[in-house]
């Protein structure tokens, strides 16, 4: 079988609601008996993320700009890498 795991990455400070944050090596250690077949870092850290998450969402200004904002998010926020991603998504396959 296949399992998809979504966890916070080590690129953001640990919060009270999370037990730990992960990188690829730590996640692999927790899934012995599985092989990681894909991994993605998503939600890029930075000022744009802060502005969108703290300001726009609270002001509820999505409405008519929703399509534009969605395209912007995909291009500048969701595509991250190992150094900038706030979140790690991995796909494992049972050995």
C-alpha atoms as a PDB file:
ATOM      1  CA  UNK A   1       0.000   0.000   0.000  1.00  0.00           C
ATOM      2  CA  UNK A   2       0.807   3.673  -0.191  1.00  0.00           C
ATOM      3  CA  UNK A   3       0.638   6.267   2.572  1.00  0.00           C
ATOM      4  CA  UNK A   4       0.741  10.058   2.167  1.00  0.00           C
ATOM      5  CA  UNK A   5       2.155  12.005   5.110  1.00  0.00           C
ATOM      6  CA  UNK A   6       1.884  15.748   5.667  1.00  0.00           C
ATOM      7  CA  UNK A   7       3.941  17.322   8.477  1.00  0.00           C
ATOM      8  CA  UNK A   8       5.352  20.716   9.490  1.00  0.00           C
ATOM      9  CA  UNK A   9       8.981  21.163   8.440  1.00  0.00           C
ATOM     10  CA  UNK A  10      11.978  22.147  10.538  1.00  0.00           C
ATOM     11  CA  UNK A  11      12.038  25.495   8.729  1.00  0.00           C
ATOM     12  CA  UNK A  12       9.504  26.972  11.137  1.00  0.00           C
ATOM     13  CA  UNK A  13       9.738  27.321  14.924  1.00  0.00           C
ATOM     14  CA  UNK A  14       8.225  24.555  17.017  1.00  0.00           C
ATOM     15  CA  UNK A  15       4.808  25.493  18.408  1.00  0.00           C
ATOM     16  CA  UNK A  16       3.015  24.146  21.477  1.00  0.00           C
ATOM     17  CA  UNK A  17       0.461  22.311  19.329  1.00  0.00           C
ATOM     18  CA  UNK A  18       3.136  20.280  17.502  1.00  0.00           C
ATOM     19  CA  UNK A  19       5.279  17.593  19.097  1.00  0.00           C
ATOM     20  CA  UNK A  20       8.076  18.005  16.548  1.00  0.00           C
ATOM     21  CA  UNK A  21       8.881  19.288  13.089  1.00  0.00           C
ATOM     22  CA  UNK A  22      10.461  17.145  10.384  1.00  0.00           C
ATOM     23  CA  UNK A  23      12.970  17.009   7.591  1.00  0.00           C
ATOM     24  CA  UNK A  24      13.268  14.180   5.063  1.00  0.00           C
ATOM     25  CA  UNK A  25      15.785  12.177   7.117  1.00  0.00           C
ATOM     26  CA  UNK A  26      13.739  12.291  10.318  1.00  0.00           C
ATOM     27  CA  UNK A  27      10.575  11.357   8.446  1.00  0.00           C
ATOM     28  CA  UNK A  28      12.340   8.392   6.813  1.00  0.00           C
ATOM     29  CA  UNK A  29      13.471   7.208  10.270  1.00  0.00           C
ATOM     30  CA  UNK A  30       9.856   7.130  11.448  1.00  0.00           C
ATOM     31  CA  UNK A  31       8.700   5.039   8.500  1.00  0.00           C
ATOM     32  CA  UNK A  32      10.977   2.019   8.591  1.00  0.00           C
ATOM     33  CA  UNK A  33       9.474  -0.715   6.434  1.00  0.00           C
ATOM     34  CA  UNK A  34       8.414   1.906   3.890  1.00  0.00           C
ATOM     35  CA  UNK A  35      10.269   3.514   1.000  1.00  0.00           C
ATOM     36  CA  UNK A  36       9.812   7.220   0.312  1.00  0.00           C
ATOM     37  CA  UNK A  37       8.894   7.486  -3.356  1.00  0.00           C
ATOM     38  CA  UNK A  38       8.139  11.231  -3.492  1.00  0.00           C
ATOM     39  CA  UNK A  39       8.560  14.269  -1.281  1.00  0.00           C
ATOM     40  CA  UNK A  40       7.587  17.920  -1.619  1.00  0.00           C
ATOM     41  CA  UNK A  41       8.211  21.025   0.403  1.00  0.00           C
ATOM     42  CA  UNK A  42       5.299  23.438   0.146  1.00  0.00           C
ATOM     43  CA  UNK A  43       4.259  26.881   1.433  1.00  0.00           C
ATOM     44  CA  UNK A  44       7.311  29.089   1.071  1.00  0.00           C
ATOM     45  CA  UNK A  45       8.417  31.086   4.136  1.00  0.00           C
ATOM     46  CA  UNK A  46       8.752  34.837   3.751  1.00  0.00           C
ATOM     47  CA  UNK A  47       7.089  38.222   3.762  1.00  0.00           C
ATOM     48  CA  UNK A  48       4.575  37.338   1.039  1.00  0.00           C
ATOM     49  CA  UNK A  49       3.323  34.359   3.057  1.00  0.00           C
ATOM     50  CA  UNK A  50       3.105  36.478   6.201  1.00  0.00           C
ATOM     51  CA  UNK A  51       1.161  39.216   4.412  1.00  0.00           C
ATOM     52  CA  UNK A  52      -1.278  36.805   2.782  1.00  0.00           C
ATOM     53  CA  UNK A  53      -1.863  34.667   5.842  1.00  0.00           C
ATOM     54  CA  UNK A  54      -2.084  37.405   8.452  1.00  0.00           C
ATOM     55  CA  UNK A  55      -3.572  40.346   6.592  1.00  0.00           C
ATOM     56  CA  UNK A  56      -5.639  39.251   3.592  1.00  0.00           C
ATOM     57  CA  UNK A  57      -7.254  36.250   5.243  1.00  0.00           C
ATOM     58  CA  UNK A  58      -8.307  38.275   8.275  1.00  0.00           C
ATOM     59  CA  UNK A  59      -9.665  41.097   6.145  1.00  0.00           C
ATOM     60  CA  UNK A  60     -11.591  38.548   4.062  1.00  0.00           C
ATOM     61  CA  UNK A  61     -10.727  40.253   0.768  1.00  0.00           C
ATOM     62  CA  UNK A  62     -10.699  37.113  -1.377  1.00  0.00           C
ATOM     63  CA  UNK A  63     -14.114  37.585  -3.028  1.00  0.00           C
ATOM     64  CA  UNK A  64     -13.702  38.808  -6.592  1.00  0.00           C
ATOM     65  CA  UNK A  65      -9.898  38.496  -6.436  1.00  0.00           C
ATOM     66  CA  UNK A  66     -10.003  34.811  -5.550  1.00  0.00           C
ATOM     67  CA  UNK A  67      -8.877  33.520  -8.966  1.00  0.00           C
ATOM     68  CA  UNK A  68      -5.972  35.982  -9.144  1.00  0.00           C
ATOM     69  CA  UNK A  69      -4.872  35.246  -5.577  1.00  0.00           C
ATOM     70  CA  UNK A  70      -5.030  31.487  -6.189  1.00  0.00           C
ATOM     71  CA  UNK A  71      -2.726  31.782  -9.237  1.00  0.00           C
ATOM     72  CA  UNK A  72      -0.393  34.011  -7.240  1.00  0.00           C
ATOM     73  CA  UNK A  73      -0.292  31.533  -4.352  1.00  0.00           C
ATOM     74  CA  UNK A  74       0.573  28.624  -6.631  1.00  0.00           C
ATOM     75  CA  UNK A  75       3.363  30.562  -8.303  1.00  0.00           C
ATOM     76  CA  UNK A  76       4.984  32.303  -5.351  1.00  0.00           C
ATOM     77  CA  UNK A  77       3.923  30.533  -2.161  1.00  0.00           C
ATOM     78  CA  UNK A  78       3.153  26.833  -2.622  1.00  0.00           C
ATOM     79  CA  UNK A  79       6.229  25.907  -4.661  1.00  0.00           C
ATOM     80  CA  UNK A  80       8.964  25.727  -2.032  1.00  0.00           C
ATOM     81  CA  UNK A  81      12.189  23.820  -1.514  1.00  0.00           C
ATOM     82  CA  UNK A  82      14.055  22.119   1.334  1.00  0.00           C
ATOM     83  CA  UNK A  83      15.324  25.454   2.696  1.00  0.00           C
ATOM     84  CA  UNK A  84      12.143  27.524   2.329  1.00  0.00           C
ATOM     85  CA  UNK A  85       9.228  25.111   2.793  1.00  0.00           C
ATOM     86  CA  UNK A  86       7.049  25.416   5.874  1.00  0.00           C
ATOM     87  CA  UNK A  87       5.466  22.021   5.252  1.00  0.00           C
ATOM     88  CA  UNK A  88       6.696  18.611   4.057  1.00  0.00           C
ATOM     89  CA  UNK A  89       4.534  16.162   2.128  1.00  0.00           C
ATOM     90  CA  UNK A  90       5.876  12.655   1.474  1.00  0.00           C
ATOM     91  CA  UNK A  91       4.545   9.564  -0.269  1.00  0.00           C
ATOM     92  CA  UNK A  92       5.674   6.189   1.087  1.00  0.00           C
ATOM     93  CA  UNK A  93       5.261   2.704  -0.309  1.00  0.00           C
ATOM     94  CA  UNK A  94       5.266  -0.437   1.848  1.00  0.00           C
ATOM     95  CA  UNK A  95       8.346  -2.624   1.272  1.00  0.00           C
END
